[in-house]
């Protein structure tokens, strides 16, 4: 289970473990929290008061400070898993819906024609379509794309990189997606 860590301004920073979240709480770095309470940790007893320390962790936390990097300048890392999720496991050529193990990263402009491995040059393809297209462009192969590639937004990237998102975390992230996002489908 992961906690969605946001900046104090509400911008996604990272998915963190429960233990990392506890450290943020213990060092008073949590400025605000939202979502469900997902864990409670019991610490030691105070020698003077005898009270036990208790930290309750919420699924979404906003932490103090200003991030040292602008999250809008970050380019989401390209992985097959995130690509297939972006494209909803649908082949860009035949429109079939497939399991992840039956899909490939398909380069629209192939490496053989100086294509590059970036979000705007890749789509999801089933193995038969990828093989049929081979080292040609969609136009050369007579295989038009059924949808166009795009670079996921910061919010989409946070959804694409975590497979076990809690309902309240998903609701928060989805509320910030661009209206054109394929993740709505």
N, C-alpha and C. Protein backbone atom coordinates (compact mmCIF):
# COMPACT_ATOMS: atom_id res chain seq x y z
N UNK A 1 0.85 -1.17 0.00
CA UNK A 1 0.00 0.00 0.00
C UNK A 1 0.90 1.23 0.00
N UNK A 2 0.58 2.19 -0.86
CA UNK A 2 1.37 3.40 -1.00
C UNK A 2 0.55 4.62 -0.59
N UNK A 3 1.26 5.64 -0.13
CA UNK A 3 0.66 6.91 0.22
C UNK A 3 1.01 7.89 -0.90
N UNK A 4 0.03 8.69 -1.32
CA UNK A 4 0.27 9.70 -2.33
C UNK A 4 0.80 10.95 -1.63
N UNK A 5 2.06 11.28 -1.90
CA UNK A 5 2.70 12.45 -1.29
C UNK A 5 2.58 13.62 -2.24
N UNK A 6 2.02 14.72 -1.74
CA UNK A 6 1.85 15.93 -2.51
C UNK A 6 2.70 17.04 -1.91
N UNK A 7 2.97 18.05 -2.71
CA UNK A 7 3.60 19.25 -2.17
C UNK A 7 2.55 19.99 -1.35
N UNK A 8 2.97 20.99 -0.60
CA UNK A 8 2.02 21.78 0.18
C UNK A 8 0.99 22.45 -0.73
N UNK A 9 1.38 22.68 -1.98
CA UNK A 9 0.48 23.30 -2.96
C UNK A 9 -0.46 22.30 -3.61
N UNK A 10 -0.28 21.01 -3.31
CA UNK A 10 -1.18 19.99 -3.84
C UNK A 10 -0.72 19.31 -5.11
N UNK A 11 0.54 19.49 -5.50
CA UNK A 11 1.04 18.84 -6.71
C UNK A 11 1.68 17.50 -6.34
N UNK A 12 1.41 16.46 -7.13
CA UNK A 12 1.96 15.14 -6.82
C UNK A 12 3.49 15.15 -6.82
N UNK A 13 4.07 14.53 -5.80
CA UNK A 13 5.52 14.43 -5.68
C UNK A 13 5.99 13.00 -5.89
N UNK A 14 5.35 12.06 -5.20
CA UNK A 14 5.77 10.66 -5.32
C UNK A 14 4.78 9.75 -4.60
N UNK A 15 4.90 8.46 -4.92
CA UNK A 15 4.23 7.42 -4.15
C UNK A 15 5.24 6.98 -3.11
N UNK A 16 4.85 6.98 -1.84
CA UNK A 16 5.79 6.61 -0.78
C UNK A 16 5.22 5.46 0.05
N UNK A 17 6.10 4.76 0.72
CA UNK A 17 5.70 3.65 1.58
C UNK A 17 5.07 4.20 2.86
N UNK A 18 4.38 3.33 3.58
CA UNK A 18 3.83 3.72 4.88
C UNK A 18 4.93 4.19 5.82
N UNK A 19 6.06 3.49 5.79
CA UNK A 19 7.18 3.85 6.66
C UNK A 19 7.70 5.25 6.35
N UNK A 20 7.80 5.59 5.06
CA UNK A 20 8.25 6.94 4.69
C UNK A 20 7.23 7.97 5.15
N UNK A 21 5.95 7.65 5.04
CA UNK A 21 4.90 8.56 5.50
C UNK A 21 5.01 8.80 7.00
N UNK A 22 5.27 7.74 7.76
CA UNK A 22 5.42 7.88 9.21
C UNK A 22 6.56 8.85 9.53
N UNK A 23 7.64 8.78 8.78
CA UNK A 23 8.75 9.70 9.00
C UNK A 23 8.33 11.15 8.77
N UNK A 24 7.51 11.38 7.75
CA UNK A 24 7.01 12.74 7.49
C UNK A 24 6.14 13.21 8.65
N UNK A 25 5.29 12.32 9.17
CA UNK A 25 4.45 12.68 10.31
C UNK A 25 5.31 12.95 11.54
N UNK A 26 6.27 12.06 11.82
CA UNK A 26 7.09 12.16 13.03
C UNK A 26 7.95 13.42 13.04
N UNK A 27 8.34 13.90 11.87
CA UNK A 27 9.19 15.10 11.80
C UNK A 27 8.36 16.36 11.52
N UNK A 28 7.04 16.25 11.69
CA UNK A 28 6.11 17.38 11.51
C UNK A 28 6.20 18.01 10.13
N UNK A 29 6.45 17.19 9.12
CA UNK A 29 6.50 17.70 7.75
C UNK A 29 5.15 17.63 7.05
N UNK A 30 4.18 16.93 7.66
CA UNK A 30 2.85 16.82 7.04
C UNK A 30 2.09 18.10 7.35
N UNK A 31 1.80 18.86 6.29
CA UNK A 31 1.09 20.13 6.45
C UNK A 31 -0.41 19.91 6.46
N UNK A 32 -0.88 18.97 5.66
CA UNK A 32 -2.30 18.64 5.62
C UNK A 32 -2.45 17.21 5.12
N UNK A 33 -3.61 16.65 5.33
CA UNK A 33 -3.88 15.27 4.90
C UNK A 33 -5.32 15.17 4.43
N UNK A 34 -5.56 14.20 3.61
CA UNK A 34 -6.92 13.95 3.14
C UNK A 34 -7.02 12.47 2.79
N UNK A 35 -8.21 12.07 2.41
CA UNK A 35 -8.41 10.66 2.11
C UNK A 35 -8.64 9.86 3.38
N UNK A 36 -8.67 8.57 3.21
CA UNK A 36 -8.95 7.67 4.33
C UNK A 36 -7.72 7.44 5.19
N UNK A 37 -7.97 7.14 6.46
CA UNK A 37 -6.88 6.69 7.33
C UNK A 37 -6.61 5.24 6.98
N UNK A 38 -5.34 4.95 6.65
CA UNK A 38 -5.03 3.61 6.15
C UNK A 38 -4.15 2.80 7.07
N UNK A 39 -3.55 3.44 8.08
CA UNK A 39 -2.70 2.68 9.00
C UNK A 39 -2.50 3.48 10.28
N UNK A 40 -2.32 2.74 11.36
CA UNK A 40 -2.00 3.35 12.66
C UNK A 40 -0.78 2.64 13.21
N UNK A 41 0.21 3.45 13.61
CA UNK A 41 1.44 2.90 14.16
C UNK A 41 1.55 3.32 15.63
N UNK A 42 1.89 2.37 16.48
CA UNK A 42 2.06 2.61 17.91
C UNK A 42 3.55 2.58 18.23
N UNK A 43 4.01 3.65 18.87
CA UNK A 43 5.43 3.75 19.22
C UNK A 43 5.65 3.44 20.69
N UNK A 44 6.72 4.02 21.20
CA UNK A 44 7.08 3.80 22.60
C UNK A 44 6.27 4.66 23.54
N UNK A 45 6.51 4.47 24.82
CA UNK A 45 5.82 5.23 25.87
C UNK A 45 6.73 6.35 26.37
N UNK A 46 6.15 7.53 26.58
CA UNK A 46 6.87 8.67 27.12
C UNK A 46 7.25 8.36 28.56
N UNK A 47 8.52 8.56 28.91
CA UNK A 47 9.02 8.23 30.26
C UNK A 47 8.37 9.10 31.33
N UNK A 48 8.01 10.32 30.98
CA UNK A 48 7.43 11.24 31.96
C UNK A 48 5.92 11.06 32.09
N UNK A 49 5.23 11.06 30.96
CA UNK A 49 3.76 11.02 31.00
C UNK A 49 3.21 9.60 30.93
N UNK A 50 4.01 8.68 30.42
CA UNK A 50 3.54 7.31 30.26
C UNK A 50 2.66 7.12 29.02
N UNK A 51 2.43 8.19 28.28
CA UNK A 51 1.58 8.08 27.08
C UNK A 51 2.35 7.43 25.94
N UNK A 52 1.63 6.59 25.20
CA UNK A 52 2.22 5.93 24.05
C UNK A 52 2.07 6.83 22.82
N UNK A 53 3.11 6.90 22.00
CA UNK A 53 3.01 7.69 20.77
C UNK A 53 2.23 6.88 19.73
N UNK A 54 1.35 7.58 19.03
CA UNK A 54 0.52 6.95 18.00
C UNK A 54 0.54 7.86 16.78
N UNK A 55 0.82 7.26 15.61
CA UNK A 55 0.78 8.01 14.35
C UNK A 55 -0.21 7.32 13.43
N UNK A 56 -1.20 8.10 12.99
CA UNK A 56 -2.20 7.61 12.05
C UNK A 56 -1.87 8.19 10.68
N UNK A 57 -1.80 7.32 9.67
CA UNK A 57 -1.40 7.73 8.32
C UNK A 57 -2.63 7.77 7.41
N UNK A 58 -2.77 8.89 6.70
CA UNK A 58 -3.83 9.01 5.70
C UNK A 58 -3.28 8.62 4.33
N UNK A 59 -4.17 8.35 3.39
CA UNK A 59 -3.76 7.88 2.06
C UNK A 59 -3.16 8.99 1.20
N UNK A 60 -3.45 10.25 1.54
CA UNK A 60 -2.92 11.39 0.78
C UNK A 60 -2.39 12.40 1.79
N UNK A 61 -1.13 12.82 1.62
CA UNK A 61 -0.57 13.82 2.51
C UNK A 61 0.09 14.94 1.72
N UNK A 62 -0.04 16.15 2.25
CA UNK A 62 0.66 17.31 1.70
C UNK A 62 1.79 17.65 2.64
N UNK A 63 2.99 17.78 2.13
CA UNK A 63 4.16 18.01 2.99
C UNK A 63 4.66 19.44 2.87
N UNK A 64 5.35 19.87 3.91
CA UNK A 64 5.90 21.22 3.98
C UNK A 64 6.99 21.41 2.92
N UNK A 65 7.25 22.68 2.65
CA UNK A 65 8.34 23.02 1.75
C UNK A 65 7.89 23.12 0.31
N UNK A 66 8.77 23.68 -0.46
CA UNK A 66 8.53 23.85 -1.89
C UNK A 66 9.44 22.88 -2.62
N UNK A 67 8.88 22.10 -3.57
CA UNK A 67 9.74 21.15 -4.27
C UNK A 67 10.88 21.86 -5.00
N UNK A 68 12.03 21.21 -5.04
CA UNK A 68 13.19 21.80 -5.69
C UNK A 68 13.11 21.72 -7.21
N UNK A 69 12.15 20.96 -7.72
CA UNK A 69 11.97 20.84 -9.16
C UNK A 69 10.54 21.21 -9.52
N UNK A 70 10.36 21.70 -10.71
CA UNK A 70 9.02 22.03 -11.19
C UNK A 70 8.41 20.76 -11.77
N UNK A 71 7.36 20.22 -11.13
CA UNK A 71 6.80 18.95 -11.62
C UNK A 71 6.23 19.04 -13.02
N UNK A 72 5.89 20.23 -13.49
CA UNK A 72 5.35 20.37 -14.83
C UNK A 72 6.43 20.29 -15.90
N UNK A 73 7.69 20.40 -15.48
CA UNK A 73 8.79 20.26 -16.43
C UNK A 73 9.26 18.81 -16.54
N UNK A 74 8.75 17.95 -15.66
CA UNK A 74 9.15 16.54 -15.69
C UNK A 74 8.51 15.84 -16.87
N UNK A 75 9.27 15.04 -17.54
CA UNK A 75 8.74 14.20 -18.62
C UNK A 75 8.55 12.81 -18.04
N UNK A 76 7.34 12.27 -18.13
CA UNK A 76 7.12 10.94 -17.55
C UNK A 76 7.98 9.89 -18.24
N UNK A 77 8.56 9.01 -17.45
CA UNK A 77 9.37 7.92 -18.00
C UNK A 77 8.51 6.99 -18.83
N UNK A 78 9.05 6.54 -19.93
CA UNK A 78 8.33 5.65 -20.83
C UNK A 78 8.65 4.20 -20.50
N UNK A 79 7.64 3.46 -20.07
CA UNK A 79 7.77 2.02 -19.84
C UNK A 79 6.64 1.33 -20.58
N UNK A 80 6.82 0.06 -20.88
CA UNK A 80 5.76 -0.68 -21.56
C UNK A 80 4.49 -0.70 -20.72
N UNK A 81 4.64 -0.90 -19.44
CA UNK A 81 3.47 -0.97 -18.57
C UNK A 81 2.66 0.32 -18.62
N UNK A 82 3.35 1.47 -18.53
CA UNK A 82 2.64 2.76 -18.58
C UNK A 82 2.07 3.01 -19.97
N UNK A 83 2.81 2.62 -21.02
CA UNK A 83 2.32 2.78 -22.39
C UNK A 83 1.04 1.98 -22.60
N UNK A 84 1.05 0.72 -22.20
CA UNK A 84 -0.12 -0.13 -22.39
C UNK A 84 -1.32 0.41 -21.60
N UNK A 85 -1.05 0.94 -20.41
CA UNK A 85 -2.14 1.53 -19.62
C UNK A 85 -2.66 2.80 -20.29
N UNK A 86 -1.74 3.64 -20.78
CA UNK A 86 -2.17 4.86 -21.48
C UNK A 86 -3.11 4.51 -22.63
N UNK A 87 -2.76 3.46 -23.36
CA UNK A 87 -3.52 3.06 -24.54
C UNK A 87 -4.63 2.05 -24.23
N UNK A 88 -4.86 1.81 -22.94
CA UNK A 88 -5.96 0.94 -22.47
C UNK A 88 -5.86 -0.49 -22.99
N UNK A 89 -4.62 -0.96 -23.26
CA UNK A 89 -4.36 -2.32 -23.77
C UNK A 89 -5.05 -2.57 -25.11
N UNK A 90 -5.20 -1.51 -25.89
CA UNK A 90 -5.86 -1.61 -27.20
C UNK A 90 -4.81 -1.42 -28.29
N UNK A 91 -4.79 -2.35 -29.25
CA UNK A 91 -3.87 -2.25 -30.38
C UNK A 91 -4.25 -1.05 -31.24
N UNK A 92 -3.26 -0.23 -31.56
CA UNK A 92 -3.49 0.99 -32.35
C UNK A 92 -3.83 0.70 -33.80
N UNK A 93 -3.67 -0.55 -34.23
CA UNK A 93 -3.91 -0.89 -35.64
C UNK A 93 -5.19 -1.69 -35.86
N UNK A 94 -5.42 -2.74 -35.08
CA UNK A 94 -6.61 -3.57 -35.28
C UNK A 94 -7.73 -3.24 -34.29
N UNK A 95 -7.40 -2.50 -33.23
CA UNK A 95 -8.41 -2.11 -32.24
C UNK A 95 -8.75 -3.19 -31.24
N UNK A 96 -8.05 -4.32 -31.30
CA UNK A 96 -8.31 -5.41 -30.35
C UNK A 96 -7.82 -5.07 -28.96
N UNK A 97 -8.49 -5.64 -27.97
CA UNK A 97 -8.10 -5.46 -26.57
C UNK A 97 -7.35 -6.72 -26.14
N UNK A 98 -6.13 -6.55 -25.58
CA UNK A 98 -5.26 -7.69 -25.30
C UNK A 98 -4.73 -7.65 -23.88
N UNK A 99 -4.25 -8.80 -23.42
CA UNK A 99 -3.52 -8.88 -22.16
C UNK A 99 -2.13 -8.29 -22.39
N UNK A 100 -1.51 -7.81 -21.31
CA UNK A 100 -0.22 -7.14 -21.43
C UNK A 100 0.84 -8.01 -22.09
N UNK A 101 0.84 -9.31 -21.80
CA UNK A 101 1.88 -10.20 -22.37
C UNK A 101 1.72 -10.40 -23.87
N UNK A 102 0.58 -10.01 -24.44
CA UNK A 102 0.36 -10.14 -25.88
C UNK A 102 0.56 -8.83 -26.63
N UNK A 103 1.08 -7.82 -25.92
CA UNK A 103 1.27 -6.49 -26.52
C UNK A 103 2.75 -6.15 -26.69
N UNK A 104 3.00 -5.20 -27.58
CA UNK A 104 4.36 -4.72 -27.81
C UNK A 104 4.36 -3.19 -27.88
N UNK A 105 5.54 -2.63 -27.67
CA UNK A 105 5.74 -1.19 -27.89
C UNK A 105 6.03 -1.03 -29.37
N UNK A 106 5.17 -0.33 -30.06
CA UNK A 106 5.27 -0.17 -31.51
C UNK A 106 5.72 1.26 -31.83
N UNK A 107 6.80 1.38 -32.58
CA UNK A 107 7.32 2.68 -32.97
C UNK A 107 6.67 3.10 -34.29
N UNK A 108 5.98 4.22 -34.27
CA UNK A 108 5.26 4.70 -35.46
C UNK A 108 6.26 4.94 -36.58
N UNK A 109 7.27 5.75 -36.30
CA UNK A 109 8.39 5.87 -37.23
C UNK A 109 9.45 4.93 -36.67
N UNK A 110 9.72 3.82 -37.36
CA UNK A 110 10.62 2.80 -36.82
C UNK A 110 12.07 3.28 -36.68
N UNK A 111 12.79 2.60 -35.80
CA UNK A 111 14.21 2.91 -35.61
C UNK A 111 14.95 2.86 -36.95
N UNK A 112 14.57 1.92 -37.82
CA UNK A 112 15.23 1.76 -39.12
C UNK A 112 15.09 3.01 -39.99
N UNK A 113 14.09 3.86 -39.65
CA UNK A 113 13.89 5.11 -40.40
C UNK A 113 14.15 6.32 -39.50
N UNK A 114 15.05 6.12 -38.55
CA UNK A 114 15.48 7.17 -37.62
C UNK A 114 14.40 7.60 -36.62
N UNK A 115 13.48 6.71 -36.32
CA UNK A 115 12.49 6.98 -35.29
C UNK A 115 13.14 6.93 -33.91
N UNK A 116 12.50 7.57 -32.95
CA UNK A 116 13.04 7.62 -31.60
C UNK A 116 12.05 7.01 -30.61
N UNK A 117 12.57 6.66 -29.44
CA UNK A 117 11.77 6.00 -28.42
C UNK A 117 11.22 7.05 -27.44
N UNK A 118 10.19 7.78 -27.89
CA UNK A 118 9.55 8.80 -27.07
C UNK A 118 8.03 8.59 -27.11
N UNK A 119 7.33 9.17 -26.13
CA UNK A 119 5.88 8.99 -26.03
C UNK A 119 5.14 9.30 -27.33
N UNK A 120 5.54 10.34 -28.04
CA UNK A 120 4.82 10.75 -29.25
C UNK A 120 5.12 9.87 -30.46
N UNK A 121 6.04 8.92 -30.32
CA UNK A 121 6.36 8.03 -31.43
C UNK A 121 6.03 6.58 -31.12
N UNK A 122 5.33 6.32 -30.03
CA UNK A 122 5.00 4.94 -29.70
C UNK A 122 3.52 4.77 -29.41
N UNK A 123 3.03 3.61 -29.77
CA UNK A 123 1.66 3.19 -29.46
C UNK A 123 1.71 1.72 -29.06
N UNK A 124 0.61 1.25 -28.56
CA UNK A 124 0.48 -0.15 -28.20
C UNK A 124 0.03 -0.93 -29.43
N UNK A 125 0.66 -2.09 -29.66
CA UNK A 125 0.26 -2.94 -30.78
C UNK A 125 0.28 -4.40 -30.35
N UNK A 126 -0.64 -5.17 -30.91
CA UNK A 126 -0.59 -6.61 -30.68
C UNK A 126 0.59 -7.16 -31.49
N UNK A 127 1.05 -8.34 -31.12
CA UNK A 127 2.22 -8.91 -31.80
C UNK A 127 1.98 -9.11 -33.31
N UNK A 128 0.82 -9.66 -33.73
CA UNK A 128 0.61 -9.83 -35.17
C UNK A 128 0.66 -8.51 -35.96
N UNK A 129 0.05 -7.45 -35.41
CA UNK A 129 0.08 -6.16 -36.12
C UNK A 129 1.49 -5.58 -36.14
N UNK A 130 2.21 -5.70 -35.03
CA UNK A 130 3.58 -5.21 -34.98
C UNK A 130 4.43 -5.93 -36.02
N UNK A 131 4.26 -7.24 -36.12
CA UNK A 131 5.01 -8.04 -37.08
C UNK A 131 4.63 -7.64 -38.52
N UNK A 132 3.33 -7.45 -38.77
CA UNK A 132 2.86 -7.11 -40.11
C UNK A 132 3.36 -5.73 -40.55
N UNK A 133 3.37 -4.77 -39.63
CA UNK A 133 3.85 -3.42 -39.96
C UNK A 133 5.35 -3.43 -40.19
N UNK A 134 6.05 -4.24 -39.43
CA UNK A 134 7.49 -4.41 -39.57
C UNK A 134 8.24 -3.09 -39.44
N UNK A 135 9.17 -2.82 -40.33
CA UNK A 135 10.01 -1.63 -40.24
C UNK A 135 9.51 -0.51 -41.16
N UNK A 136 8.19 -0.45 -41.30
CA UNK A 136 7.58 0.58 -42.14
C UNK A 136 6.77 1.55 -41.28
N UNK A 137 6.45 2.70 -41.84
CA UNK A 137 5.55 3.63 -41.16
C UNK A 137 4.12 3.10 -41.37
N UNK A 138 3.16 3.58 -40.61
CA UNK A 138 1.78 3.14 -40.84
C UNK A 138 1.31 3.39 -42.27
N UNK A 139 1.72 4.52 -42.85
CA UNK A 139 1.33 4.84 -44.22
C UNK A 139 1.94 3.85 -45.21
N UNK A 140 3.23 3.55 -45.03
CA UNK A 140 3.90 2.60 -45.92
C UNK A 140 3.29 1.21 -45.81
N UNK A 141 2.82 0.84 -44.63
CA UNK A 141 2.25 -0.49 -44.42
C UNK A 141 0.76 -0.55 -44.72
N UNK A 142 0.15 0.60 -44.98
CA UNK A 142 -1.30 0.63 -45.21
C UNK A 142 -2.07 0.28 -43.94
N UNK A 143 -1.54 0.69 -42.80
CA UNK A 143 -2.14 0.38 -41.50
C UNK A 143 -2.33 1.68 -40.71
N UNK A 144 -3.42 2.41 -40.97
CA UNK A 144 -3.61 3.69 -40.28
C UNK A 144 -3.82 3.49 -38.78
N UNK A 145 -3.35 4.48 -38.01
CA UNK A 145 -3.52 4.46 -36.57
C UNK A 145 -4.98 4.72 -36.20
N UNK A 146 -5.48 3.98 -35.23
CA UNK A 146 -6.85 4.18 -34.74
C UNK A 146 -6.92 5.28 -33.69
N UNK A 147 -5.80 5.61 -33.09
CA UNK A 147 -5.73 6.71 -32.12
C UNK A 147 -4.34 7.31 -32.18
N UNK A 148 -4.21 8.51 -31.68
CA UNK A 148 -2.92 9.20 -31.74
C UNK A 148 -2.20 9.11 -30.39
N UNK A 149 -0.89 9.10 -30.42
CA UNK A 149 -0.13 9.06 -29.17
C UNK A 149 -0.15 10.43 -28.49
N UNK A 150 0.14 10.46 -27.21
CA UNK A 150 0.29 11.71 -26.48
C UNK A 150 1.18 11.49 -25.27
N UNK A 151 1.73 12.56 -24.77
CA UNK A 151 2.57 12.51 -23.57
C UNK A 151 1.63 12.65 -22.37
N UNK A 152 1.63 11.68 -21.45
CA UNK A 152 0.74 11.78 -20.27
C UNK A 152 1.08 13.01 -19.43
N UNK A 153 0.02 13.60 -18.86
CA UNK A 153 0.21 14.72 -17.94
C UNK A 153 0.82 14.21 -16.63
N UNK A 154 1.22 15.13 -15.79
CA UNK A 154 1.75 14.77 -14.47
C UNK A 154 0.77 13.89 -13.71
N UNK A 155 -0.51 14.26 -13.75
CA UNK A 155 -1.54 13.53 -13.01
C UNK A 155 -1.74 12.14 -13.61
N UNK A 156 -1.78 12.05 -14.95
CA UNK A 156 -1.92 10.76 -15.61
C UNK A 156 -0.74 9.85 -15.28
N UNK A 157 0.46 10.44 -15.26
CA UNK A 157 1.66 9.65 -14.97
C UNK A 157 1.57 9.02 -13.58
N UNK A 158 1.05 9.74 -12.60
CA UNK A 158 0.92 9.17 -11.26
C UNK A 158 -0.06 8.01 -11.25
N UNK A 159 -1.09 8.08 -12.06
CA UNK A 159 -2.04 6.95 -12.17
C UNK A 159 -1.37 5.79 -12.90
N UNK A 160 -0.65 6.08 -13.98
CA UNK A 160 -0.04 5.03 -14.79
C UNK A 160 1.07 4.28 -14.06
N UNK A 161 1.73 4.93 -13.09
CA UNK A 161 2.87 4.27 -12.45
C UNK A 161 2.53 3.47 -11.21
N UNK A 162 1.27 3.45 -10.79
CA UNK A 162 0.91 2.69 -9.59
C UNK A 162 -0.30 1.82 -9.91
N UNK A 163 -0.16 0.53 -9.78
CA UNK A 163 -1.25 -0.39 -10.11
C UNK A 163 -2.25 -0.59 -8.97
N UNK A 164 -1.87 -0.21 -7.76
CA UNK A 164 -2.73 -0.45 -6.60
C UNK A 164 -3.11 0.88 -5.95
N UNK A 165 -3.91 1.65 -6.64
CA UNK A 165 -4.31 2.97 -6.16
C UNK A 165 -5.61 2.81 -5.37
N UNK A 166 -5.65 3.39 -4.19
CA UNK A 166 -6.85 3.36 -3.37
C UNK A 166 -7.91 4.26 -3.99
N UNK A 167 -9.18 3.98 -3.70
CA UNK A 167 -10.29 4.72 -4.32
C UNK A 167 -10.19 6.22 -4.10
N UNK A 168 -9.87 6.65 -2.88
CA UNK A 168 -9.80 8.09 -2.61
C UNK A 168 -8.61 8.74 -3.32
N UNK A 169 -7.52 8.00 -3.46
CA UNK A 169 -6.36 8.52 -4.20
C UNK A 169 -6.73 8.66 -5.68
N UNK A 170 -7.41 7.66 -6.22
CA UNK A 170 -7.82 7.70 -7.63
C UNK A 170 -8.78 8.86 -7.88
N UNK A 171 -9.72 9.04 -6.98
CA UNK A 171 -10.67 10.14 -7.12
C UNK A 171 -9.94 11.49 -7.15
N UNK A 172 -8.97 11.65 -6.26
CA UNK A 172 -8.19 12.89 -6.21
C UNK A 172 -7.43 13.09 -7.52
N UNK A 173 -6.71 12.07 -7.98
CA UNK A 173 -5.93 12.19 -9.21
C UNK A 173 -6.83 12.42 -10.43
N UNK A 174 -7.91 11.66 -10.51
CA UNK A 174 -8.82 11.79 -11.67
C UNK A 174 -9.43 13.18 -11.75
N UNK A 175 -9.63 13.82 -10.60
CA UNK A 175 -10.24 15.16 -10.60
C UNK A 175 -9.31 16.20 -11.24
N UNK A 176 -8.04 15.85 -11.45
CA UNK A 176 -7.08 16.79 -12.04
C UNK A 176 -6.68 16.42 -13.47
N UNK A 177 -7.26 15.37 -14.03
CA UNK A 177 -6.87 14.95 -15.39
C UNK A 177 -7.37 15.94 -16.43
N UNK A 178 -6.63 16.09 -17.51
CA UNK A 178 -7.13 16.90 -18.63
C UNK A 178 -8.39 16.24 -19.20
N UNK A 179 -9.30 17.05 -19.69
CA UNK A 179 -10.57 16.52 -20.22
C UNK A 179 -10.35 15.59 -21.41
N UNK A 180 -9.19 15.70 -22.06
CA UNK A 180 -8.89 14.88 -23.23
C UNK A 180 -8.24 13.54 -22.86
N UNK A 181 -8.03 13.28 -21.58
CA UNK A 181 -7.31 12.08 -21.17
C UNK A 181 -8.04 10.81 -21.59
N UNK A 182 -7.29 9.85 -22.09
CA UNK A 182 -7.84 8.54 -22.43
C UNK A 182 -8.14 7.71 -21.19
N UNK A 183 -7.63 8.13 -20.04
CA UNK A 183 -7.85 7.36 -18.81
C UNK A 183 -9.30 7.47 -18.33
N UNK A 184 -10.08 8.40 -18.88
CA UNK A 184 -11.50 8.50 -18.54
C UNK A 184 -12.30 7.36 -19.15
N UNK A 185 -11.84 6.85 -20.26
CA UNK A 185 -12.62 5.84 -21.00
C UNK A 185 -12.87 4.59 -20.20
